[in-house]
Structure formats: C-alpha cells, structure tokens
C-alpha cells in the first residue's frame, strides 16, 4: 500500500481503527518516523471535530508507537508535555511507552516521568496497547503507573534518584496488585544498578524556530485590527495594545478541567509578573492572557479566574476575549489547539514573546516555560527597541543612500567616450578611470543588492517588508529601463520608488504603525459606508 497517500487522506471522518492500522504498518520503519511525527500536531485534520476521549485514544496509541519508531528532538517535547500536564491515563501511559524509543535514555526525562506518576497515582486505570480496539476482559492488562514504572526500570542507572519517591509510593494503600508488583521489581532493579552517566541532556525550553518568511512577515491587517475586549469590558485593537513595548502572550480558557494546563498557566504567569518586577521590566513589558473560548469567557469570568490565581490586572496586564476573528488570531500564532464545534477538545501550553510592533519573535510551547529565559528574551527585545530609537539619523542615512546608487546607475557612462564626455563637462582632464568602467557597474549593482538584503533583514525591527518591496520594484525598473531599454527618463520612476522605500523604512516604527492603523481604519470605514449605501439602495428598490 502507498503509505504517503493513506496519510494524506486522513481526516476527521477516518475511523480510529484505520488510523491505528496505518500507525502499526509504519512504526517499525524508522524512515517513516517523520510521518508519525506529523500526526502529533494537534491541529492535524484527523483530530478536528472528534471528542476529547477519542482524541486521547488516538494520540495515546500514536505515542506508544515511538517505542519502535524511535524518538527524536521533534517528538520528545510532545511526550514530555503529556507526562507533565495530562491527567488521562491512556495518553500518559502511551507517552511513557514511547520514551523507550530514546537511544540512549536521557537523565532529564526522569523529572517528567515522576510528574506523570504523581498526576495519576490516585486515578490509575487498566490500559492495553496490543490493539487499538479493546475487548474486555483484557488479555494482558497494564496500567498508567505500570508503564511509567517500566520506563523508570528501562532507564537503569539514570533513574537512581527516583528511589526515594518510589519507596514513598510503596506505602500507598491504593495501589493495585499488578502496580505493587511492578513497583517492587523497579525498586529492586534500580538498587542493583550502576549510576548512569548524566552527560546526555536536552534543552526542553528551546524557542520555536520560525521559517524565514514567518519571522519577517508583516503583521497582517486583519490581525492588527482585531477587536480585543479585556476583563473590564473595554475595547482596543490588537495593534493598539501590542505596540510600544515587548509583550508576553499566553492562551487559556476558564472551563479547562486540567489543573496542570490553564489554571497552572495563569498561576505561572502571575509568578512571571513578580519576576519581571524584580528584573526592572514590569513597566517595560505588557502581558496578555487570551481565551480560546470567547463566547463562554465573558469579562467578569476572565477577571475572576485570573485574579484568583494571583495575576495583577491593569492597563498593561490584561485578559482578553475576541468574539469576532478568534480563528484569525489562532492561525497567526499557529496556536496548538483543536475544537469540536466551539468546545476545546485538546490544547497545549503556549507562551509567545511579542516585539514592540506586535510581531511574534519567539515561543515556548508543549512544556512549561522557564521564566529566566522568557525574561532574557524580553530584555533582548527592549534593547533592540532602545537601539532603534537611538539611531534614527543613521538609519535614515543608510536607507536614503540606496536612492543615490540608483541615480549613479542611470547616469553611469557605458563606454570610454562617455567617460570623456562626462569629464570634459566637469572640467576634468584625467580620464585614467576608463579601464575601470567595466567593473564599476557590477559594484553598484552589488551595493544595491546589499541594500535590499539590509532592508529585508531589518524588516522585523523596523516597518515590515513594504520598504523592501518598494525598493525591490524600484531597482528592477532602474536596471530594466536603463540597461535593457535604454530609457533613462523612465528609470527615474524606479528611483522614486527606492526613495519612497528608504523614507518609509526610516520612519519611527511607532509613527509608522499609527499611520498604517489610521489607513486601515479609513479603508474599513469606507467599505462599511459603501456596503451600507448599497444595502439601503437594495432595500428601497425591493420596497418599491
């Protein structure tokens, strides 16, 4: 069978047992691991519209398949995040099994296994991963605690520090017989093993790497103009709030029944506020908690939920709901959430760092974030903002210089006779530069190319890609009309576009953002008025 075609055809209507059959067919072939990793994305179409229970069952079975498929740096965060924050036994047990695909065991995963053990020690249940469709009674039943204990035993010397919490668990009176037997076996194995070498570690809180175009993209107009309603019922646009200061954004919703996700997210956000205060960044940073569930989470409910978890609420620290356009915002953030109708069926832990122009510069997803690293990111953004504000003259000089390069190309002499004419006109008798005329033109073209690269690289810190697009178009016109068609007067239009790009790029980002916002408002108002006129005309025509 063609595995790639089967995977491409998976969607919300594909039966769970068919998905499991595909997983079983490829989990032993490590060359297909990327296909399995792609199914980990909670936004994959296969999860859309399914119940939370069905999503958990599919993902748990998928997690367990990585024991055979192998675990890499892209897979590991999903497994650890499940152990850290999941309360359902089946996906958590699958994640514990999947970790055995690591070669060799990583000592850092011990903390997550112990966290998962603690999460389900009071609500453990029987599970089986022999087949996707379970029939009772189970032939070889296991449980969430048993699978975690097996993984601790598999870790060997790397898990010796788990002996104390395991011996504490041994005194629990709520353990099933098979769990007690596995617990004794694990303790015995760890006590008779040699401590492992802790040289192999990983970075659980690394920032997400953005693609080239995602990193430098302009803030879409539809996102900048989204109406946010805060915990006091006051309205503002995305572009108005996320402007002037670096920001932190988290996503949550008040109906979340997992205390290790949304509730803990807001509690940790409160701790981040305190750490920002100690770091001297409280007045230089904005914080926003945005709900996945805007129709249920009304302002008073948002305010009570956040304040009860210690979050300080004011004009720069807000909880928001977006009634119209929530999908656009979630798409812009590539938010790791899925829905059944309007109800959240699965979501991840998400924190994003936003620059002073409202653009995403980094993210911490799946696992709980590290406050120190978030603060370092915010300090970096604040330093960039201060440097940009301190050098407006130099920025303007660098950008306007590109226009003079285009003028040099327009007037550049193409042959020794032209050089002689130019020098004669200027009263210059030394024409020793004749021999260099062949390479001066390429030099100017290279300089223009460098200017374009600088505009592109600086788009994220300045005023987006519009100056780059204008300059790119202008340079093309200059070269085409001057070198191909030989119409110097037409090439001046290209120079004007390059000048326009330089001027736009040298404008202070705050002023530029305000200007763009004003233009968008005018455009939206004009569209609304035009639509209203046509609707009235249609109604009057229908009435007559």
Protein backbone atom coordinates (compact mmCIF):
# COMPACT_ATOMS: atom_id res chain seq x y z
CA UNK A 1 0.00 0.00 0.00
CA UNK A 2 1.06 3.59 -0.61
CA UNK A 3 1.66 4.94 2.91
CA UNK A 4 2.02 8.57 1.84
CA UNK A 5 -1.31 8.53 0.01
CA UNK A 6 -3.03 6.97 3.00
CA UNK A 7 -1.57 9.58 5.36
CA UNK A 8 -2.57 12.43 3.01
CA UNK A 9 -6.14 11.10 3.01
CA UNK A 10 -6.53 11.10 6.79
CA UNK A 11 -9.19 13.49 8.09
CA UNK A 12 -11.83 13.85 10.80
CA UNK A 13 -14.03 11.18 9.20
CA UNK A 14 -11.31 8.49 9.14
CA UNK A 15 -12.19 5.75 11.68
CA UNK A 16 -9.81 5.41 14.60
CA UNK A 17 -9.04 1.76 13.88
CA UNK A 18 -7.97 2.70 10.32
CA UNK A 19 -5.61 5.36 11.71
CA UNK A 20 -4.21 2.77 14.13
CA UNK A 21 -3.70 0.30 11.25
CA UNK A 22 -1.58 2.86 9.39
CA UNK A 23 0.43 3.56 12.56
CA UNK A 24 1.04 -0.17 13.03
CA UNK A 25 2.11 -0.52 9.38
CA UNK A 26 4.86 2.10 9.57
CA UNK A 27 6.05 2.25 13.20
CA UNK A 28 8.71 -0.42 12.58
CA UNK A 29 10.14 1.51 9.61
CA UNK A 30 12.18 4.39 11.00
CA UNK A 31 12.36 6.04 7.61
CA UNK A 32 8.66 6.88 8.11
CA UNK A 33 9.14 8.47 11.52
CA UNK A 34 8.55 11.95 10.06
CA UNK A 35 5.06 10.82 9.02
CA UNK A 36 4.25 9.73 12.58
CA UNK A 37 5.73 12.97 13.95
CA UNK A 38 3.45 14.95 11.64
CA UNK A 39 0.42 13.29 13.26
CA UNK A 40 1.50 14.69 16.65
CA UNK A 41 0.39 18.20 15.66
CA UNK A 42 -2.90 18.80 17.46
CA UNK A 43 -4.05 20.92 14.51
CA UNK A 44 -3.83 17.94 12.16
CA UNK A 45 -7.17 17.47 10.31
CA UNK A 46 -7.54 14.00 11.77
CA UNK A 47 -8.45 15.45 15.20
CA UNK A 48 -10.92 18.09 14.02
CA UNK A 49 -14.41 17.62 15.45
CA UNK A 50 -13.61 14.49 17.47
CA UNK A 51 -14.47 14.15 21.15
CA UNK A 52 -11.72 14.63 23.73
CA UNK A 53 -11.90 10.93 24.63
CA UNK A 54 -11.39 9.83 21.03
CA UNK A 55 -8.53 12.30 20.52
CA UNK A 56 -6.83 11.00 23.68
CA UNK A 57 -7.19 7.41 22.47
CA UNK A 58 -5.69 8.12 19.04
CA UNK A 59 -2.82 10.16 20.46
CA UNK A 60 -2.07 7.63 23.20
CA UNK A 61 -1.78 4.84 20.63
CA UNK A 62 0.39 7.12 18.48
CA UNK A 63 2.66 8.00 21.42
CA UNK A 64 3.27 4.32 22.17
CA UNK A 65 4.32 3.67 18.55
CA UNK A 66 7.51 5.71 19.03
CA UNK A 67 8.97 2.86 21.11
CA UNK A 68 9.52 1.11 17.77
CA UNK A 69 9.77 4.18 15.50
CA UNK A 70 12.36 5.92 17.68
CA UNK A 71 12.25 9.32 19.40
CA UNK A 72 13.97 12.43 18.03
CA UNK A 73 14.14 16.08 19.13
CA UNK A 74 10.83 16.89 17.41
CA UNK A 75 8.94 14.03 19.02
CA UNK A 76 10.32 14.29 22.56
CA UNK A 77 8.55 17.55 23.62
CA UNK A 78 5.12 16.05 22.84
CA UNK A 79 5.80 13.01 25.01
CA UNK A 80 7.20 15.06 27.89
CA UNK A 81 4.35 17.60 27.73
CA UNK A 82 1.84 14.75 28.09
CA UNK A 83 3.64 13.41 31.15
CA UNK A 84 3.87 16.89 32.63
CA UNK A 85 0.27 18.04 32.26
CA UNK A 86 -2.02 15.15 31.28
CA UNK A 87 -4.49 13.55 33.68
CA UNK A 88 -5.99 10.95 31.33
CA UNK A 89 -4.33 7.59 31.87
CA UNK A 90 -4.27 6.25 28.28
CA UNK A 91 -2.27 9.04 26.55
CA UNK A 92 0.02 9.34 29.58
CA UNK A 93 0.76 5.61 29.51
CA UNK A 94 1.38 5.84 25.75
CA UNK A 95 3.88 8.65 26.30
CA UNK A 96 5.73 6.60 28.93
CA UNK A 97 5.97 3.67 26.49
CA UNK A 98 7.10 5.96 23.64
CA UNK A 99 10.02 7.29 25.67
CA UNK A 100 11.61 3.85 25.49
CA UNK A 101 12.39 4.67 21.88
CA UNK A 102 15.15 7.01 23.06
CA UNK A 103 18.68 5.78 22.47
CA UNK A 104 20.25 6.15 24.96
CA UNK A 105 17.98 7.17 27.89
CA UNK A 106 18.27 10.85 28.79
CA UNK A 107 18.50 11.55 32.55
CA UNK A 108 16.49 14.77 32.17
CA UNK A 109 13.29 12.85 31.37
CA UNK A 110 13.21 11.46 34.92
CA UNK A 111 11.51 14.59 36.26
CA UNK A 112 8.69 14.26 33.74
CA UNK A 113 8.14 10.57 34.48
CA UNK A 114 7.86 11.29 38.20
CA UNK A 115 5.46 14.15 37.47
CA UNK A 116 3.29 11.83 35.37
CA UNK A 117 3.39 9.22 38.12
CA UNK A 118 2.20 11.79 40.63
CA UNK A 119 -0.56 13.01 38.27
CA UNK A 120 -2.30 9.62 38.02
CA UNK A 121 -1.38 7.79 41.20
CA UNK A 122 -4.89 8.38 42.54
CA UNK A 123 -6.81 7.67 39.32
CA UNK A 124 -4.81 4.92 37.63
CA UNK A 125 -6.72 2.60 35.31
CA UNK A 126 -6.23 -0.53 33.20
CA UNK A 127 -4.88 0.04 29.67
CA UNK A 128 -3.63 -2.08 26.79
CA UNK A 129 -1.73 -1.16 23.62
CA UNK A 130 -1.75 -4.59 21.98
CA UNK A 131 -4.65 -3.49 19.75
CA UNK A 132 -6.44 -0.20 19.19
CA UNK A 133 -9.94 -1.61 19.68
CA UNK A 134 -10.04 -3.05 23.18
CA UNK A 135 -12.17 -6.02 24.10
CA UNK A 136 -12.96 -6.90 27.70
CA UNK A 137 -11.65 -8.62 29.62
CA UNK A 138 -8.16 -7.54 28.53
CA UNK A 139 -5.76 -10.40 27.80
CA UNK A 140 -2.60 -8.75 29.18
CA UNK A 141 -3.73 -5.63 31.02
CA UNK A 142 -1.33 -2.94 32.09
CA UNK A 143 -1.91 0.50 33.64
CA UNK A 144 -0.54 4.02 33.51
CA UNK A 145 1.54 3.54 36.68
CA UNK A 146 2.87 0.18 35.47
CA UNK A 147 4.07 1.69 32.17
CA UNK A 148 5.78 4.61 33.94
CA UNK A 149 7.49 2.17 36.32
CA UNK A 150 8.63 0.03 33.40
CA UNK A 151 10.16 3.10 31.76
CA UNK A 152 11.95 4.03 35.01
CA UNK A 153 13.31 0.49 35.16
CA UNK A 154 14.37 0.77 31.50
CA UNK A 155 16.33 3.94 32.35
CA UNK A 156 18.56 1.94 34.69
CA UNK A 157 21.28 3.95 36.40
CA UNK A 158 19.92 7.23 35.03
CA UNK A 159 16.86 6.85 37.31
CA UNK A 160 18.55 6.01 40.61
CA UNK A 161 17.45 9.34 42.13
CA UNK A 162 13.84 8.11 41.74
CA UNK A 163 14.32 5.55 44.52
CA UNK A 164 13.17 7.89 47.31
CA UNK A 165 9.80 8.87 45.69
CA UNK A 166 9.25 5.24 44.64
CA UNK A 167 9.78 3.97 48.19
CA UNK A 168 7.39 6.68 49.41
CA UNK A 169 4.80 5.45 46.89
CA UNK A 170 5.32 1.93 48.22
CA UNK A 171 3.47 2.94 51.38
CA UNK A 172 0.29 3.85 49.49
CA UNK A 173 -2.74 1.68 50.26
CA UNK A 174 -4.48 2.48 46.96
CA UNK A 175 -2.17 0.56 44.63
CA UNK A 176 -3.46 -2.40 42.62
CA UNK A 177 -1.68 -5.73 42.92
CA UNK A 178 0.00 -5.52 39.49
CA UNK A 179 1.22 -2.00 40.28
CA UNK A 180 2.72 -3.11 43.62
CA UNK A 181 4.47 -6.00 41.92
CA UNK A 182 5.95 -3.72 39.24
CA UNK A 183 6.93 -1.15 41.87
CA UNK A 184 8.89 -3.74 43.88
CA UNK A 185 10.56 -5.00 40.72
CA UNK A 186 11.55 -1.44 39.69
CA UNK A 187 12.95 -0.58 43.13
CA UNK A 188 14.92 -3.81 43.20
CA UNK A 189 16.32 -3.18 39.69
CA UNK A 190 17.37 0.40 40.50
CA UNK A 191 19.02 -0.59 43.78
CA UNK A 192 21.16 -3.13 41.96
CA UNK A 193 22.24 -0.98 39.06
CA UNK A 194 25.23 1.28 38.48
CA UNK A 195 24.55 5.05 38.46
CA UNK A 196 24.27 6.33 34.92
CA UNK A 197 26.36 8.95 33.22
CA UNK A 198 24.42 12.25 33.15
CA UNK A 199 26.27 13.71 30.19
CA UNK A 200 23.37 13.37 27.80
CA UNK A 201 20.88 16.18 28.26
CA UNK A 202 18.44 18.10 26.17
CA UNK A 203 17.02 21.62 26.12
CA UNK A 204 13.30 21.32 26.94
CA UNK A 205 12.51 25.00 26.76
CA UNK A 206 14.10 25.93 23.45
CA UNK A 207 12.34 28.56 21.39
CA UNK A 208 10.50 27.53 18.29
CA UNK A 209 12.42 28.20 15.11
CA UNK A 210 10.43 30.18 12.61
CA UNK A 211 10.70 29.88 8.88
CA UNK A 212 12.36 32.77 7.06
CA UNK A 213 9.09 34.23 5.85
CA UNK A 214 7.27 33.67 9.16
CA UNK A 215 10.00 35.52 11.03
CA UNK A 216 9.96 38.62 8.84
CA UNK A 217 6.32 38.73 7.85
CA UNK A 218 4.33 41.92 8.25
CA UNK A 219 1.62 41.97 10.88
CA UNK A 220 -1.50 41.13 8.83
CA UNK A 221 -4.06 43.91 8.69
CA UNK A 222 -6.86 41.58 9.75
CA UNK A 223 -4.90 40.70 12.92
CA UNK A 224 -3.83 44.28 13.70
CA UNK A 225 -7.48 45.37 13.54
CA UNK A 226 -8.96 42.55 15.63
CA UNK A 227 -11.06 43.92 18.48
CA UNK A 228 -9.92 42.74 21.92
CA UNK A 229 -12.21 43.03 24.94
CA UNK A 230 -10.42 43.00 28.28
CA UNK A 231 -11.50 41.90 31.75
CA UNK A 232 -13.14 45.30 32.37
CA UNK A 233 -15.17 45.17 29.16
CA UNK A 234 -13.00 47.84 27.48
CA UNK A 235 -12.20 47.52 23.79
CA UNK A 236 -8.99 48.04 21.84
CA UNK A 237 -7.42 46.60 18.71
CA UNK A 238 -4.54 44.13 18.63
CA UNK A 239 -2.38 46.82 17.01
CA UNK A 240 -3.16 49.31 19.77
CA UNK A 241 -2.38 47.02 22.71
CA UNK A 242 0.67 45.20 21.31
CA UNK A 243 2.52 48.37 20.47
CA UNK A 244 5.37 50.35 22.00
CA UNK A 245 6.57 47.65 24.42
CA UNK A 246 7.59 43.98 24.18
CA UNK A 247 4.82 41.67 25.32
CA UNK A 248 4.09 38.18 26.58
CA UNK A 249 1.00 36.28 25.37
CA UNK A 250 -0.45 33.06 26.80
CA UNK A 251 -3.60 31.19 25.79
CA UNK A 252 -6.06 29.56 28.22
CA UNK A 253 -9.76 29.10 28.92
CA UNK A 254 -11.68 29.00 32.19
CA UNK A 255 -13.57 25.75 31.50
CA UNK A 256 -10.34 23.74 31.25
CA UNK A 257 -10.66 20.79 33.65
CA UNK A 258 -6.95 20.01 33.75
CA UNK A 259 -5.29 21.86 36.67
CA UNK A 260 -1.86 21.31 35.07
CA UNK A 261 -2.73 23.33 31.97
CA UNK A 262 -4.82 26.53 32.00
CA UNK A 263 -5.04 27.04 35.75
CA UNK A 264 -1.32 26.46 36.16
CA UNK A 265 -0.59 28.66 33.14
CA UNK A 266 -2.22 31.69 34.78
CA UNK A 267 -0.57 30.91 38.14
CA UNK A 268 2.84 30.77 36.44
CA UNK A 269 2.01 33.99 34.60
CA UNK A 270 1.49 35.61 37.99
CA UNK A 271 4.94 34.36 39.02
CA UNK A 272 6.37 35.79 35.79
CA UNK A 273 4.88 39.17 36.72
CA UNK A 274 6.73 39.08 40.04
CA UNK A 275 9.99 38.09 38.34
CA UNK A 276 9.60 40.92 35.82
CA UNK A 277 9.13 43.33 38.73
CA UNK A 278 12.39 42.13 40.30
CA UNK A 279 14.18 42.40 36.95
CA UNK A 280 13.02 46.01 36.48
CA UNK A 281 10.95 45.15 33.40
CA UNK A 282 7.44 45.39 34.82
CA UNK A 283 6.86 48.88 33.38
CA UNK A 284 8.56 47.99 30.08
CA UNK A 285 6.54 44.87 29.31
CA UNK A 286 2.91 44.05 28.57
CA UNK A 287 1.21 40.77 29.45
CA UNK A 288 -1.89 39.32 27.81
CA UNK A 289 -3.82 36.13 28.57
CA UNK A 290 -6.17 35.34 25.67
CA UNK A 291 -9.02 32.85 25.97
CA UNK A 292 -9.67 30.04 23.50
CA UNK A 293 -13.36 30.21 24.49
CA UNK A 294 -14.57 33.80 23.93
CA UNK A 295 -18.31 33.08 23.98
CA UNK A 296 -18.26 31.50 27.43
CA UNK A 297 -15.42 33.54 28.95
CA UNK A 298 -17.08 36.90 29.45
CA UNK A 299 -15.10 39.80 31.04
CA UNK A 300 -16.16 39.18 34.64
CA UNK A 301 -15.35 35.48 34.38
CA UNK A 302 -11.91 36.26 32.92
CA UNK A 303 -11.18 38.75 35.68
CA UNK A 304 -12.20 36.39 38.50
CA UNK A 305 -10.26 33.44 37.03
CA UNK A 306 -7.02 35.42 36.66
CA UNK A 307 -7.20 37.36 39.92
CA UNK A 308 -7.95 34.18 41.90
CA UNK A 309 -4.61 32.81 40.62
CA UNK A 310 -2.64 35.89 41.66
CA UNK A 311 -2.42 37.77 38.37
CA UNK A 312 -2.30 41.56 38.70
CA UNK A 313 -4.73 43.21 36.27
CA UNK A 314 -4.21 46.71 34.89
CA UNK A 315 -3.95 48.53 31.55
CA UNK A 316 -0.72 46.69 30.60
CA UNK A 317 -1.64 43.32 32.12
CA UNK A 318 -4.94 42.08 30.71
CA UNK A 319 -7.07 39.04 29.98
CA UNK A 320 -8.75 39.24 26.58
CA UNK A 321 -11.55 37.68 24.59
CA UNK A 322 -12.02 38.06 20.82
CA UNK A 323 -15.59 37.40 19.76
CA UNK A 324 -15.07 38.08 16.04
CA UNK A 325 -11.86 36.94 14.38
CA UNK A 326 -10.63 34.48 17.00
CA UNK A 327 -9.76 31.98 14.26
CA UNK A 328 -7.57 34.58 12.52
CA UNK A 329 -5.64 35.18 15.73
CA UNK A 330 -5.15 31.47 16.46
CA UNK A 331 -3.97 30.98 12.86
CA UNK A 332 -1.49 33.87 13.16
CA UNK A 333 0.02 32.34 16.30
CA UNK A 334 -0.15 28.80 14.85
CA UNK A 335 -1.82 28.01 18.15
CA UNK A 336 -1.74 24.36 19.20
CA UNK A 337 -5.46 23.89 19.88
CA UNK A 338 -8.30 21.90 18.34
CA UNK A 339 -12.07 22.13 18.69
CA UNK A 340 -15.23 20.10 18.44
CA UNK A 341 -17.65 22.80 17.37
CA UNK A 342 -16.84 25.71 19.68
CA UNK A 343 -15.63 23.47 22.52
CA UNK A 344 -11.90 22.88 23.01
CA UNK A 345 -11.12 19.16 22.70
CA UNK A 346 -7.34 19.41 23.11
CA UNK A 347 -4.73 22.11 23.51
CA UNK A 348 -1.14 22.64 24.51
CA UNK A 349 0.65 25.01 26.88
CA UNK A 350 1.62 28.12 24.95
CA UNK A 351 3.61 31.29 25.69
CA UNK A 352 4.70 33.74 22.99
CA UNK A 353 7.11 36.68 23.10
CA UNK A 354 5.97 39.68 21.03
CA UNK A 355 8.12 42.63 19.96
CA UNK A 356 7.19 46.32 20.28
CA UNK A 357 5.47 46.21 16.86
CA UNK A 358 3.18 43.30 17.69
CA UNK A 359 5.13 40.59 15.84
CA UNK A 360 5.97 37.16 17.20
CA UNK A 361 9.67 36.74 17.96
CA UNK A 362 9.68 33.51 19.94
CA UNK A 363 7.54 30.89 21.61
CA UNK A 364 7.57 28.30 24.39
CA UNK A 365 5.07 25.53 23.73
CA UNK A 366 4.28 21.99 24.89
CA UNK A 367 6.32 22.21 28.13
CA UNK A 368 6.08 24.77 30.91
CA UNK A 369 8.27 27.76 30.14
CA UNK A 370 11.33 28.90 32.07
CA UNK A 371 10.82 32.42 33.47
CA UNK A 372 14.52 33.27 33.27
CA UNK A 373 14.64 32.53 29.56
CA UNK A 374 11.46 34.49 28.88
CA UNK A 375 12.91 37.47 30.74
CA UNK A 376 16.13 37.24 28.70
CA UNK A 377 14.06 37.32 25.51
CA UNK A 378 12.15 40.37 26.73
CA UNK A 379 15.39 42.14 27.65
CA UNK A 380 16.70 41.46 24.15
CA UNK A 381 13.56 42.95 22.59
CA UNK A 382 13.76 46.02 24.84
CA UNK A 383 17.42 46.56 23.95
CA UNK A 384 16.60 46.34 20.24
CA UNK A 385 13.81 48.88 20.66
CA UNK A 386 16.09 51.29 22.53
CA UNK A 387 18.88 50.95 19.93
CA UNK A 388 16.46 51.60 17.09
CA UNK A 389 15.11 54.71 18.84
CA UNK A 390 18.64 55.99 19.50
CA UNK A 391 19.80 55.82 15.86
CA UNK A 392 17.11 57.34 13.64
CA UNK A 393 19.55 59.60 11.75
CA UNK A 394 21.95 56.76 10.90
CA UNK A 395 19.04 54.56 9.81
CA UNK A 396 17.72 57.26 7.52
CA UNK A 397 21.19 57.85 6.04
CA UNK A 398 21.69 54.15 5.28
CA UNK A 399 18.34 53.83 3.57
CA UNK A 400 18.41 57.05 1.53
CA UNK A 401 21.87 56.11 0.22
CA UNK A 402 20.23 53.39 -1.90
CA UNK A 403 18.48 56.06 -3.97
CA UNK A 404 21.82 57.64 -4.86
CA UNK A 405 23.08 54.25 -6.02
CA UNK A 406 20.19 54.01 -8.47
CA UNK A 407 20.91 57.54 -9.73
CA UNK A 408 24.55 56.52 -10.23
CA UNK A 409 23.44 53.62 -12.42
CA UNK A 410 21.17 55.90 -14.51
CA UNK A 411 23.97 58.39 -15.21
CA UNK A 412 26.76 55.80 -15.28
CA UNK A 413 28.84 56.14 -18.51
CA UNK A 414 28.82 52.93 -20.53
CA UNK A 415 31.96 53.43 -22.65
CA UNK A 416 35.30 55.37 -22.67
CA UNK A 417 33.83 58.03 -24.98
CA UNK A 418 31.02 58.65 -22.48
CA UNK A 419 33.64 58.93 -19.73
CA UNK A 420 35.49 61.52 -21.80
CA UNK A 421 32.29 63.49 -22.33
CA UNK A 422 31.47 63.41 -18.61
CA UNK A 423 34.95 64.50 -17.54
CA UNK A 424 35.08 67.17 -20.21
CA UNK A 425 31.76 68.56 -18.99
CA UNK A 426 33.04 68.59 -15.43
CA UNK A 427 36.35 70.12 -16.44
CA UNK A 428 38.31 67.05 -15.56
CA UNK A 429 41.21 66.15 -17.79
CA UNK A 430 42.31 62.95 -16.09
CA UNK A 431 40.50 60.09 -17.77
CA UNK A 432 42.55 57.28 -16.29
CA UNK A 433 39.33 55.65 -14.98
CA UNK A 434 38.44 54.37 -18.47
CA UNK A 435 39.89 50.98 -17.67
CA UNK A 436 37.64 50.60 -14.59
CA UNK A 437 34.30 51.29 -16.32
CA UNK A 438 33.62 47.59 -16.84
CA UNK A 439 33.60 46.71 -13.17
CA UNK A 440 32.10 49.88 -11.67
CA UNK A 441 28.63 48.91 -12.87
CA UNK A 442 28.72 45.48 -11.15
CA UNK A 443 29.92 47.21 -7.98
CA UNK A 444 26.88 49.48 -7.99
CA UNK A 445 24.57 46.51 -8.60
CA UNK A 446 26.19 44.62 -5.71
CA UNK A 447 25.72 47.63 -3.43
CA UNK A 448 22.04 47.80 -4.37
CA UNK A 449 21.71 44.08 -3.62
CA UNK A 450 23.33 44.60 -0.22
CA UNK A 451 20.85 47.40 0.43
CA UNK A 452 17.92 45.09 -0.40
CA UNK A 453 19.30 42.44 1.94
CA UNK A 454 19.63 45.02 4.72
CA UNK A 455 16.02 46.12 4.21
CA UNK A 456 14.85 42.51 4.35
CA UNK A 457 16.88 41.69 7.45
CA UNK A 458 15.73 44.84 9.21
CA UNK A 459 12.05 44.35 8.39
CA UNK A 460 11.35 42.71 11.72
CA UNK A 461 12.88 45.62 13.67
CA UNK A 462 11.64 48.47 11.52
CA UNK A 463 8.49 48.83 9.44
CA UNK A 464 7.89 45.47 7.85
CA UNK A 465 8.51 44.36 4.28
CA UNK A 466 6.76 47.23 2.47
CA UNK A 467 10.02 49.29 2.15
CA UNK A 468 11.75 46.17 0.83
CA UNK A 469 9.05 45.57 -1.78
CA UNK A 470 9.15 49.21 -2.93
CA UNK A 471 12.94 49.23 -3.21
CA UNK A 472 12.99 45.87 -4.98
CA UNK A 473 10.48 47.12 -7.56
CA UNK A 474 12.40 50.37 -7.96
CA UNK A 475 15.73 48.64 -8.54
CA UNK A 476 14.17 46.38 -11.16
CA UNK A 477 12.75 49.41 -13.00
CA UNK A 478 16.10 51.24 -12.83
CA UNK A 479 18.07 48.30 -14.23
CA UNK A 480 15.47 47.36 -16.85
CA UNK A 481 14.86 50.80 -18.32
CA UNK A 482 18.47 51.94 -18.02
CA UNK A 483 20.35 48.85 -19.20
CA UNK A 484 17.86 46.98 -21.37
CA UNK A 485 15.53 49.53 -22.99
CA UNK A 486 17.95 52.50 -22.63
CA UNK A 487 15.28 54.96 -21.43
CA UNK A 488 16.92 56.93 -18.66
CA UNK A 489 13.93 59.19 -18.09
CA UNK A 490 11.72 56.15 -17.36
CA UNK A 491 14.29 54.85 -14.87
CA UNK A 492 13.63 57.89 -12.65
CA UNK A 493 10.30 56.33 -11.59
CA UNK A 494 12.31 53.44 -10.12
CA UNK A 495 14.49 55.91 -8.23
CA UNK A 496 11.39 57.50 -6.74
CA UNK A 497 10.20 54.07 -5.53
CA UNK A 498 13.59 53.42 -3.93
CA UNK A 499 13.41 56.82 -2.25
CA UNK A 500 9.90 56.01 -1.00
CA UNK A 501 11.12 52.71 0.44
CA UNK A 502 14.04 54.46 2.15
CA UNK A 503 11.79 57.13 3.66
CA UNK A 504 9.25 54.55 4.92
CA UNK A 505 12.00 52.47 6.49
CA UNK A 506 13.49 55.49 8.28
CA UNK A 507 10.19 56.50 9.92
CA UNK A 508 9.90 55.70 13.62
CA UNK A 509 8.08 52.32 13.90
CA UNK A 510 5.54 53.72 16.35
CA UNK A 511 4.59 56.54 13.99
CA UNK A 512 4.51 54.11 11.05
CA UNK A 513 2.26 51.69 12.96
CA UNK A 514 -0.09 54.52 13.89
CA UNK A 515 -0.19 55.67 10.26
CA UNK A 516 -0.96 52.17 8.93
CA UNK A 517 -3.63 51.70 11.59
CA UNK A 518 -5.23 55.01 10.58
CA UNK A 519 -5.18 54.00 6.89
CA UNK A 520 -6.79 50.66 7.73
CA UNK A 521 -9.49 52.36 9.77
CA UNK A 522 -10.24 54.72 6.89
CA UNK A 523 -10.41 51.78 4.50
CA UNK A 524 -12.70 49.78 6.80
CA UNK A 525 -14.98 52.80 7.38
CA UNK A 526 -15.17 53.47 3.65
CA UNK A 527 -16.03 49.83 2.98
CA UNK A 528 -18.73 49.84 5.69
CA UNK A 529 -20.27 53.05 4.37
CA UNK A 530 -20.26 51.76 0.80
CA UNK A 531 -21.87 48.49 1.86
CA UNK A 532 -24.50 50.39 3.86
CA UNK A 533 -25.35 52.56 0.84
CA UNK A 534 -25.76 49.51 -1.39
CA UNK A 535 -27.87 47.71 1.23
CA UNK A 536 -30.16 50.72 1.60
CA UNK A 537 -30.43 51.04 -2.15
CA UNK A 538 -31.33 47.35 -2.44
CA UNK A 539 -33.94 47.64 0.31
CA UNK A 540 -35.52 50.74 -1.20
CA UNK A 541 -35.58 49.08 -4.62
CA UNK A 542 -37.20 45.97 -3.13
CA UNK A 543 -39.78 48.07 -1.26
CA UNK A 544 -40.72 49.98 -4.41
